[in-house]
Amino acid sequence: MGTMNVDPIATLPDGSQLLVSTQHSRESSFTCELYVASPDHEGRLDLRVVSDHLEASTCLEAQGIAYCYAQRLYPGTADGMKKPPYLIWQGPAPHT
């Protein structure tokens, strides 16, 4: 798997972390996706996608949609969730 831009927004009751990934698309929109990360038996992170691509015209709007979706998905953890803004991946560095 390649590098992902993720920001933890909550720790779930089982100790796993809820992560949000934010990306800028070529169509001038932003998407967020939610993952649950838990360590596997070898110490690596096991990532499980728990949302579709949540898209909006601005970064903050996409992150707000992801935040609301996460609150509905994990209501028992909703009060402690980190609110947007989250990290943004700027894309590959330009070659100089």
N, C-alpha and C. Protein backbone atom coordinates (compact mmCIF):
# COMPACT_ATOMS: atom_id res chain seq x y z
N MET A 1 0.85 -1.17 0.00
CA MET A 1 0.00 0.00 0.00
C MET A 1 0.89 1.23 0.00
N GLY A 2 0.51 2.27 -0.72
CA GLY A 2 1.27 3.51 -0.79
C GLY A 2 1.02 4.37 0.43
N THR A 3 1.60 5.54 0.41
CA THR A 3 1.44 6.48 1.51
C THR A 3 0.05 7.09 1.50
N MET A 4 -0.53 7.19 2.68
CA MET A 4 -1.85 7.80 2.82
C MET A 4 -1.74 8.98 3.76
N ASN A 5 -2.57 9.96 3.53
CA ASN A 5 -2.70 11.08 4.46
C ASN A 5 -3.87 10.75 5.37
N VAL A 6 -3.58 10.46 6.62
CA VAL A 6 -4.66 10.14 7.55
C VAL A 6 -4.48 10.92 8.84
N ASP A 7 -5.58 11.18 9.49
CA ASP A 7 -5.58 11.88 10.76
C ASP A 7 -6.52 11.10 11.69
N PRO A 8 -6.04 10.67 12.87
CA PRO A 8 -6.93 9.97 13.80
C PRO A 8 -7.96 10.93 14.38
N ILE A 9 -9.22 10.50 14.39
CA ILE A 9 -10.26 11.38 14.94
C ILE A 9 -10.90 10.80 16.19
N ALA A 10 -10.68 9.50 16.46
CA ALA A 10 -11.25 8.90 17.67
C ALA A 10 -10.56 7.57 17.95
N THR A 11 -10.55 7.21 19.24
CA THR A 11 -10.15 5.87 19.64
C THR A 11 -11.42 5.14 20.02
N LEU A 12 -11.63 4.00 19.40
CA LEU A 12 -12.85 3.22 19.62
C LEU A 12 -12.71 2.37 20.89
N PRO A 13 -13.82 1.88 21.44
CA PRO A 13 -13.78 1.11 22.70
C PRO A 13 -12.84 -0.10 22.68
N ASP A 14 -12.63 -0.70 21.50
CA ASP A 14 -11.74 -1.87 21.42
C ASP A 14 -10.26 -1.48 21.28
N GLY A 15 -9.96 -0.17 21.30
CA GLY A 15 -8.58 0.30 21.18
C GLY A 15 -8.16 0.65 19.77
N SER A 16 -8.97 0.28 18.78
CA SER A 16 -8.64 0.64 17.40
C SER A 16 -8.88 2.14 17.21
N GLN A 17 -8.33 2.68 16.13
CA GLN A 17 -8.49 4.10 15.87
C GLN A 17 -9.32 4.34 14.62
N LEU A 18 -10.16 5.36 14.69
CA LEU A 18 -10.93 5.82 13.54
C LEU A 18 -10.11 6.90 12.87
N LEU A 19 -9.81 6.69 11.59
CA LEU A 19 -8.97 7.61 10.82
C LEU A 19 -9.78 8.24 9.70
N VAL A 20 -9.42 9.46 9.33
CA VAL A 20 -10.02 10.11 8.17
C VAL A 20 -8.89 10.42 7.19
N SER A 21 -9.11 10.12 5.93
CA SER A 21 -8.17 10.43 4.87
C SER A 21 -8.82 11.47 3.96
N THR A 22 -8.10 12.54 3.67
CA THR A 22 -8.62 13.62 2.82
C THR A 22 -7.75 13.73 1.58
N GLN A 23 -8.40 13.82 0.42
CA GLN A 23 -7.67 13.97 -0.83
C GLN A 23 -8.33 15.02 -1.70
N HIS A 24 -7.51 15.68 -2.50
CA HIS A 24 -8.00 16.64 -3.49
C HIS A 24 -8.04 15.91 -4.82
N SER A 25 -9.17 15.96 -5.49
CA SER A 25 -9.29 15.25 -6.77
C SER A 25 -8.97 16.18 -7.93
N ARG A 26 -8.79 15.60 -9.08
CA ARG A 26 -8.49 16.37 -10.29
C ARG A 26 -9.65 17.25 -10.71
N GLU A 27 -10.84 16.93 -10.31
CA GLU A 27 -12.03 17.68 -10.70
C GLU A 27 -12.29 18.86 -9.77
N SER A 28 -11.29 19.29 -9.03
CA SER A 28 -11.40 20.42 -8.10
C SER A 28 -12.43 20.17 -7.00
N SER A 29 -12.53 18.95 -6.56
CA SER A 29 -13.36 18.65 -5.40
C SER A 29 -12.50 17.88 -4.40
N PHE A 30 -13.04 17.68 -3.23
CA PHE A 30 -12.32 17.00 -2.16
C PHE A 30 -13.10 15.77 -1.73
N THR A 31 -12.38 14.72 -1.36
CA THR A 31 -13.04 13.52 -0.85
C THR A 31 -12.40 13.13 0.48
N CYS A 32 -13.21 12.57 1.33
CA CYS A 32 -12.75 11.99 2.60
C CYS A 32 -13.22 10.55 2.64
N GLU A 33 -12.45 9.74 3.31
CA GLU A 33 -12.82 8.35 3.51
C GLU A 33 -12.45 7.99 4.95
N LEU A 34 -13.29 7.19 5.59
CA LEU A 34 -13.06 6.78 6.97
C LEU A 34 -12.53 5.35 7.01
N TYR A 35 -11.56 5.12 7.90
CA TYR A 35 -10.95 3.81 8.09
C TYR A 35 -10.92 3.50 9.58
N VAL A 36 -10.93 2.21 9.90
CA VAL A 36 -10.63 1.76 11.26
C VAL A 36 -9.29 1.05 11.18
N ALA A 37 -8.36 1.48 12.04
CA ALA A 37 -7.01 0.90 12.07
C ALA A 37 -6.82 0.14 13.37
N SER A 38 -6.46 -1.14 13.25
CA SER A 38 -6.15 -1.94 14.42
C SER A 38 -4.86 -2.71 14.15
N PRO A 39 -4.02 -2.86 15.17
CA PRO A 39 -2.78 -3.62 14.97
C PRO A 39 -3.10 -5.10 14.76
N ASP A 40 -2.39 -5.72 13.81
CA ASP A 40 -2.57 -7.16 13.61
C ASP A 40 -1.59 -7.91 14.52
N HIS A 41 -1.57 -9.24 14.42
CA HIS A 41 -0.74 -10.06 15.31
C HIS A 41 0.76 -9.87 15.07
N GLU A 42 1.15 -9.24 13.94
CA GLU A 42 2.56 -8.98 13.66
C GLU A 42 2.95 -7.53 13.94
N GLY A 43 2.04 -6.75 14.51
CA GLY A 43 2.35 -5.38 14.85
C GLY A 43 2.10 -4.36 13.75
N ARG A 44 1.65 -4.81 12.60
CA ARG A 44 1.32 -3.89 11.51
C ARG A 44 -0.12 -3.42 11.69
N LEU A 45 -0.46 -2.33 11.01
CA LEU A 45 -1.83 -1.83 11.08
C LEU A 45 -2.70 -2.50 10.04
N ASP A 46 -3.84 -2.97 10.48
CA ASP A 46 -4.85 -3.51 9.59
C ASP A 46 -5.87 -2.40 9.37
N LEU A 47 -6.03 -1.96 8.12
CA LEU A 47 -6.97 -0.89 7.79
C LEU A 47 -8.24 -1.47 7.19
N ARG A 48 -9.37 -1.01 7.69
CA ARG A 48 -10.67 -1.43 7.16
C ARG A 48 -11.45 -0.18 6.78
N VAL A 49 -11.87 -0.10 5.53
CA VAL A 49 -12.65 1.04 5.05
C VAL A 49 -14.06 0.94 5.64
N VAL A 50 -14.56 2.04 6.23
CA VAL A 50 -15.89 2.02 6.83
C VAL A 50 -16.82 3.07 6.21
N SER A 51 -16.37 3.70 5.12
CA SER A 51 -17.23 4.67 4.43
C SER A 51 -16.91 4.65 2.95
N ASP A 52 -17.82 5.20 2.18
CA ASP A 52 -17.54 5.46 0.78
C ASP A 52 -16.75 6.76 0.71
N HIS A 53 -16.39 7.16 -0.52
CA HIS A 53 -15.77 8.47 -0.71
C HIS A 53 -16.83 9.53 -0.44
N LEU A 54 -16.58 10.38 0.52
CA LEU A 54 -17.50 11.45 0.89
C LEU A 54 -16.97 12.72 0.23
N GLU A 55 -17.70 13.23 -0.75
CA GLU A 55 -17.19 14.28 -1.63
C GLU A 55 -17.91 15.61 -1.44
N ALA A 56 -17.15 16.70 -1.61
CA ALA A 56 -17.72 18.05 -1.54
C ALA A 56 -16.82 19.00 -2.34
N SER A 57 -17.31 20.20 -2.55
CA SER A 57 -16.56 21.16 -3.36
C SER A 57 -15.43 21.83 -2.58
N THR A 58 -15.49 21.82 -1.25
CA THR A 58 -14.39 22.37 -0.46
C THR A 58 -13.87 21.30 0.50
N CYS A 59 -12.64 21.48 0.91
CA CYS A 59 -12.02 20.54 1.83
C CYS A 59 -12.77 20.49 3.16
N LEU A 60 -13.04 21.64 3.72
CA LEU A 60 -13.70 21.69 5.02
C LEU A 60 -15.11 21.09 4.97
N GLU A 61 -15.79 21.29 3.86
CA GLU A 61 -17.13 20.70 3.70
C GLU A 61 -17.05 19.18 3.65
N ALA A 62 -16.09 18.64 2.89
CA ALA A 62 -15.92 17.18 2.81
C ALA A 62 -15.57 16.60 4.19
N GLN A 63 -14.71 17.31 4.92
CA GLN A 63 -14.34 16.84 6.25
C GLN A 63 -15.52 16.92 7.21
N GLY A 64 -16.35 17.94 7.07
CA GLY A 64 -17.55 18.05 7.90
C GLY A 64 -18.52 16.91 7.63
N ILE A 65 -18.67 16.53 6.37
CA ILE A 65 -19.53 15.40 6.00
C ILE A 65 -18.97 14.12 6.62
N ALA A 66 -17.65 13.93 6.54
CA ALA A 66 -17.02 12.74 7.12
C ALA A 66 -17.21 12.71 8.64
N TYR A 67 -17.08 13.86 9.27
CA TYR A 67 -17.26 13.95 10.73
C TYR A 67 -18.69 13.56 11.13
N CYS A 68 -19.68 14.09 10.43
CA CYS A 68 -21.09 13.75 10.72
C CYS A 68 -21.36 12.27 10.47
N TYR A 69 -20.79 11.73 9.39
CA TYR A 69 -20.95 10.31 9.08
C TYR A 69 -20.33 9.46 10.19
N ALA A 70 -19.14 9.85 10.66
CA ALA A 70 -18.46 9.11 11.73
C ALA A 70 -19.28 9.14 13.02
N GLN A 71 -19.90 10.28 13.32
CA GLN A 71 -20.74 10.38 14.51
C GLN A 71 -21.94 9.45 14.44
N ARG A 72 -22.53 9.33 13.25
CA ARG A 72 -23.67 8.41 13.08
C ARG A 72 -23.21 6.96 13.14
N LEU A 73 -22.02 6.69 12.60
CA LEU A 73 -21.50 5.32 12.54
C LEU A 73 -21.07 4.82 13.93
N TYR A 74 -20.51 5.71 14.74
CA TYR A 74 -20.01 5.35 16.08
C TYR A 74 -20.59 6.31 17.12
N PRO A 75 -21.89 6.22 17.40
CA PRO A 75 -22.52 7.18 18.31
C PRO A 75 -21.97 7.15 19.73
N GLY A 76 -21.48 6.02 20.18
CA GLY A 76 -20.94 5.93 21.53
C GLY A 76 -19.62 6.67 21.71
N THR A 77 -18.98 7.00 20.61
CA THR A 77 -17.69 7.69 20.63
C THR A 77 -17.82 9.12 20.12
N ALA A 78 -19.01 9.51 19.69
CA ALA A 78 -19.23 10.78 19.00
C ALA A 78 -18.78 11.99 19.81
N ASP A 79 -19.02 11.99 21.12
CA ASP A 79 -18.68 13.16 21.94
C ASP A 79 -17.18 13.44 21.98
N GLY A 80 -16.36 12.42 21.88
CA GLY A 80 -14.91 12.61 21.96
C GLY A 80 -14.20 12.72 20.63
N MET A 81 -14.95 12.74 19.53
CA MET A 81 -14.32 12.80 18.21
C MET A 81 -13.68 14.16 17.94
N LYS A 82 -12.52 14.10 17.31
CA LYS A 82 -11.84 15.32 16.89
C LYS A 82 -12.63 15.95 15.76
N LYS A 83 -12.88 17.25 15.86
CA LYS A 83 -13.63 17.97 14.83
C LYS A 83 -12.69 18.48 13.74
N PRO A 84 -13.23 18.69 12.52
CA PRO A 84 -12.40 19.25 11.45
C PRO A 84 -11.89 20.63 11.85
N PRO A 85 -10.81 21.10 11.27
CA PRO A 85 -10.15 20.60 10.06
C PRO A 85 -9.15 19.49 10.39
N TYR A 86 -8.93 18.63 9.39
CA TYR A 86 -7.97 17.54 9.47
C TYR A 86 -6.84 17.82 8.48
N LEU A 87 -5.88 16.90 8.45
CA LEU A 87 -4.76 17.02 7.51
C LEU A 87 -5.24 16.96 6.07
N ILE A 88 -4.51 17.63 5.19
CA ILE A 88 -4.81 17.60 3.75
C ILE A 88 -3.55 17.18 3.02
N TRP A 89 -3.67 16.19 2.14
CA TRP A 89 -2.54 15.78 1.32
C TRP A 89 -2.46 16.71 0.14
N GLN A 90 -1.32 17.35 -0.03
CA GLN A 90 -1.15 18.34 -1.10
C GLN A 90 -0.76 17.70 -2.43
N GLY A 91 -0.56 16.42 -2.46
CA GLY A 91 -0.15 15.75 -3.69
C GLY A 91 1.36 15.62 -3.74
N PRO A 92 1.86 15.00 -4.79
CA PRO A 92 3.31 14.80 -4.89
C PRO A 92 4.03 16.14 -5.02
N ALA A 93 5.22 16.19 -4.47
CA ALA A 93 6.02 17.42 -4.56
C ALA A 93 6.44 17.65 -6.00
N PRO A 94 6.45 18.89 -6.46
CA PRO A 94 6.88 19.17 -7.83
C PRO A 94 8.36 18.85 -7.99
N HIS A 95 8.71 18.35 -9.15
CA HIS A 95 10.11 18.05 -9.45
C HIS A 95 10.81 19.34 -9.84
N THR A 96 11.95 19.59 -9.23
CA THR A 96 12.69 20.81 -9.56
C THR A 96 13.99 20.51 -10.24
